[in-house]
Amino acid sequence: MKRSIPLCIILYLFTCGIYPIYWMIVLNDEINAASRQNGPSGGMVFLFSLITCGIYSLYWMYKMGERVEILQGTYSGNTGLLYLLLSFFGLGCVSMALMQDALNRLYP
């Protein structure tokens, strides 16, 4: 589903952490479906991230980078590393916006 990235970022910042959870779950499920890769569901990703105090979300960012490369047809390995570093330095919102941009390009 195509989403407005500026609106997603505004909701990310102003919903006190509720929209980012929804966005992570939906992004995970949509990227898994579009890339035809098996992986944990969005709900499981949220649960694992909650249990591990956010450590799993860093791993998830890296894996989503690999899946985005599958969607784009590029296999450099750098996208996952970029998402991981952005998230590690507190810019997970940017990583998720980049993921959403990759999805938006699939659905004209």
C-alpha atoms as a PDB file:
ATOM      1  CA  MET A   1       0.000   0.000   0.000  1.00  0.00           C
ATOM      2  CA  LYS A   2       1.301   3.420  -0.916  1.00  0.00           C
ATOM      3  CA  ARG A   3       1.699   5.797   2.045  1.00  0.00           C
ATOM      4  CA  SER A   4       2.653   9.446   2.310  1.00  0.00           C
ATOM      5  CA  ILE A   5       6.121   9.544   3.847  1.00  0.00           C
ATOM      6  CA  PRO A   6       5.817  13.091   5.282  1.00  0.00           C
ATOM      7  CA  LEU A   7       2.519  12.138   6.940  1.00  0.00           C
ATOM      8  CA  CYS A   8       4.091   8.970   8.351  1.00  0.00           C
ATOM      9  CA  ILE A   9       6.963  10.981   9.814  1.00  0.00           C
ATOM     10  CA  ILE A  10       4.581  13.522  11.369  1.00  0.00           C
ATOM     11  CA  LEU A  11       2.521  10.725  12.910  1.00  0.00           C
ATOM     12  CA  TYR A  12       5.765   9.035  14.030  1.00  0.00           C
ATOM     13  CA  LEU A  13       6.727  12.157  15.952  1.00  0.00           C
ATOM     14  CA  PHE A  14       3.366  13.192  17.405  1.00  0.00           C
ATOM     15  CA  THR A  15       1.578   9.972  18.445  1.00  0.00           C
ATOM     16  CA  CYS A  16       3.724   9.222  21.492  1.00  0.00           C
ATOM     17  CA  GLY A  17       5.078   5.990  20.040  1.00  0.00           C
ATOM     18  CA  ILE A  18       1.837   4.408  18.869  1.00  0.00           C
ATOM     19  CA  TYR A  19       2.111   5.011  15.125  1.00  0.00           C
ATOM     20  CA  PRO A  20       5.728   3.772  14.894  1.00  0.00           C
ATOM     21  CA  ILE A  21       4.573   0.398  16.258  1.00  0.00           C
ATOM     22  CA  TYR A  22       1.809   0.176  13.669  1.00  0.00           C
ATOM     23  CA  TRP A  23       4.128   1.347  10.889  1.00  0.00           C
ATOM     24  CA  MET A  24       6.783  -1.245  11.816  1.00  0.00           C
ATOM     25  CA  ILE A  25       4.216  -4.064  11.835  1.00  0.00           C
ATOM     26  CA  VAL A  26       2.701  -3.051   8.492  1.00  0.00           C
ATOM     27  CA  LEU A  27       6.073  -2.416   6.830  1.00  0.00           C
ATOM     28  CA  ASN A  28       7.312  -5.822   7.902  1.00  0.00           C
ATOM     29  CA  ASP A  29       4.272  -7.641   6.547  1.00  0.00           C
ATOM     30  CA  GLU A  30       4.213  -5.697   3.269  1.00  0.00           C
ATOM     31  CA  ILE A  31       7.934  -6.107   2.593  1.00  0.00           C
ATOM     32  CA  ASN A  32       7.737  -9.834   3.378  1.00  0.00           C
ATOM     33  CA  ALA A  33       4.828 -10.205   0.950  1.00  0.00           C
ATOM     34  CA  ALA A  34       6.395  -8.091  -1.800  1.00  0.00           C
ATOM     35  CA  SER A  35       9.795  -9.808  -1.593  1.00  0.00           C
ATOM     36  CA  ARG A  36       8.181 -13.267  -1.234  1.00  0.00           C
ATOM     37  CA  GLN A  37      10.405 -13.991   1.758  1.00  0.00           C
ATOM     38  CA  ASN A  38       9.335 -15.932   4.805  1.00  0.00           C
ATOM     39  CA  GLY A  39      10.002 -14.211   8.065  1.00  0.00           C
ATOM     40  CA  PRO A  40       8.362 -13.362  11.344  1.00  0.00           C
ATOM     41  CA  SER A  41       5.091 -11.502  11.201  1.00  0.00           C
ATOM     42  CA  GLY A  42       4.953  -7.854  12.146  1.00  0.00           C
ATOM     43  CA  GLY A  43       3.380  -8.694  15.487  1.00  0.00           C
ATOM     44  CA  MET A  44       6.194 -11.098  16.304  1.00  0.00           C
ATOM     45  CA  VAL A  45       8.781  -8.483  15.354  1.00  0.00           C
ATOM     46  CA  PHE A  46       7.160  -6.039  17.766  1.00  0.00           C
ATOM     47  CA  LEU A  47       6.995  -8.673  20.510  1.00  0.00           C
ATOM     48  CA  PHE A  48      10.648  -9.709  20.038  1.00  0.00           C
ATOM     49  CA  SER A  49      11.716  -6.059  20.052  1.00  0.00           C
ATOM     50  CA  LEU A  50       9.763  -5.445  23.238  1.00  0.00           C
ATOM     51  CA  ILE A  51      11.202  -8.515  24.989  1.00  0.00           C
ATOM     52  CA  THR A  52      14.795  -7.680  24.014  1.00  0.00           C
ATOM     53  CA  CYS A  53      14.475  -3.969  24.845  1.00  0.00           C
ATOM     54  CA  GLY A  54      14.970  -2.924  21.240  1.00  0.00           C
ATOM     55  CA  ILE A  55      17.938  -5.109  20.340  1.00  0.00           C
ATOM     56  CA  TYR A  56      15.860  -7.252  17.997  1.00  0.00           C
ATOM     57  CA  SER A  57      14.648  -4.127  16.192  1.00  0.00           C
ATOM     58  CA  LEU A  58      18.259  -3.408  15.169  1.00  0.00           C
ATOM     59  CA  TYR A  59      18.530  -6.909  13.705  1.00  0.00           C
ATOM     60  CA  TRP A  60      15.159  -6.389  12.026  1.00  0.00           C
ATOM     61  CA  MET A  61      16.368  -3.174  10.406  1.00  0.00           C
ATOM     62  CA  TYR A  62      19.351  -5.023   8.948  1.00  0.00           C
ATOM     63  CA  LYS A  63      17.173  -7.843   7.599  1.00  0.00           C
ATOM     64  CA  MET A  64      14.696  -5.391   6.105  1.00  0.00           C
ATOM     65  CA  GLY A  65      17.589  -3.795   4.242  1.00  0.00           C
ATOM     66  CA  GLU A  66      18.327  -7.157   2.648  1.00  0.00           C
ATOM     67  CA  ARG A  67      14.686  -7.569   1.677  1.00  0.00           C
ATOM     68  CA  VAL A  68      14.519  -4.057   0.227  1.00  0.00           C
ATOM     69  CA  GLU A  69      17.533  -4.944  -1.921  1.00  0.00           C
ATOM     70  CA  ILE A  70      15.616  -7.986  -3.172  1.00  0.00           C
ATOM     71  CA  LEU A  71      12.714  -5.693  -4.091  1.00  0.00           C
ATOM     72  CA  GLN A  72      14.984  -3.259  -5.897  1.00  0.00           C
ATOM     73  CA  GLY A  73      17.060  -5.941  -7.609  1.00  0.00           C
ATOM     74  CA  THR A  74      20.325  -4.731  -6.068  1.00  0.00           C
ATOM     75  CA  TYR A  75      22.474  -6.956  -3.891  1.00  0.00           C
ATOM     76  CA  SER A  76      25.199  -4.778  -2.444  1.00  0.00           C
ATOM     77  CA  GLY A  77      24.552  -5.522   1.234  1.00  0.00           C
ATOM     78  CA  ASN A  78      24.866  -1.832   2.067  1.00  0.00           C
ATOM     79  CA  THR A  79      21.176  -1.080   2.546  1.00  0.00           C
ATOM     80  CA  GLY A  80      20.886  -3.268   5.627  1.00  0.00           C
ATOM     81  CA  LEU A  81      24.000  -1.709   7.096  1.00  0.00           C
ATOM     82  CA  LEU A  82      22.651   1.790   6.392  1.00  0.00           C
ATOM     83  CA  TYR A  83      19.340   0.999   8.123  1.00  0.00           C
ATOM     84  CA  LEU A  84      21.192  -0.536  11.077  1.00  0.00           C
ATOM     85  CA  LEU A  85      23.486   2.461  11.542  1.00  0.00           C
ATOM     86  CA  LEU A  86      20.662   4.970  11.218  1.00  0.00           C
ATOM     87  CA  SER A  87      18.642   3.082  13.823  1.00  0.00           C
ATOM     88  CA  PHE A  88      21.616   2.670  16.135  1.00  0.00           C
ATOM     89  CA  PHE A  89      22.104   6.437  16.171  1.00  0.00           C
ATOM     90  CA  GLY A  90      18.428   7.124  16.877  1.00  0.00           C
ATOM     91  CA  LEU A  91      17.251   7.725  13.321  1.00  0.00           C
ATOM     92  CA  GLY A  92      14.984   4.713  12.951  1.00  0.00           C
ATOM     93  CA  CYS A  93      12.368   7.044  11.523  1.00  0.00           C
ATOM     94  CA  VAL A  94      14.642   7.705   8.547  1.00  0.00           C
ATOM     95  CA  SER A  95      15.201   3.976   8.018  1.00  0.00           C
ATOM     96  CA  MET A  96      11.488   3.321   8.042  1.00  0.00           C
ATOM     97  CA  ALA A  97      10.904   6.217   5.631  1.00  0.00           C
ATOM     98  CA  LEU A  98      13.468   4.716   3.250  1.00  0.00           C
ATOM     99  CA  MET A  99      11.710   1.351   3.483  1.00  0.00           C
ATOM    100  CA  GLN A 100       8.388   3.005   2.772  1.00  0.00           C
ATOM    101  CA  ASP A 101       9.901   4.801  -0.211  1.00  0.00           C
ATOM    102  CA  ALA A 102      11.065   1.460  -1.632  1.00  0.00           C
ATOM    103  CA  LEU A 103       7.548   0.078  -1.220  1.00  0.00           C
ATOM    104  CA  ASN A 104       5.939   3.176  -2.727  1.00  0.00           C
ATOM    105  CA  ARG A 105       8.087   2.765  -5.839  1.00  0.00           C
ATOM    106  CA  LEU A 106       6.639  -0.730  -6.338  1.00  0.00           C
ATOM    107  CA  TYR A 107       3.043   0.484  -6.339  1.00  0.00           C
ATOM    108  CA  PRO A 108       2.565   3.349  -8.821  1.00  0.00           C
END
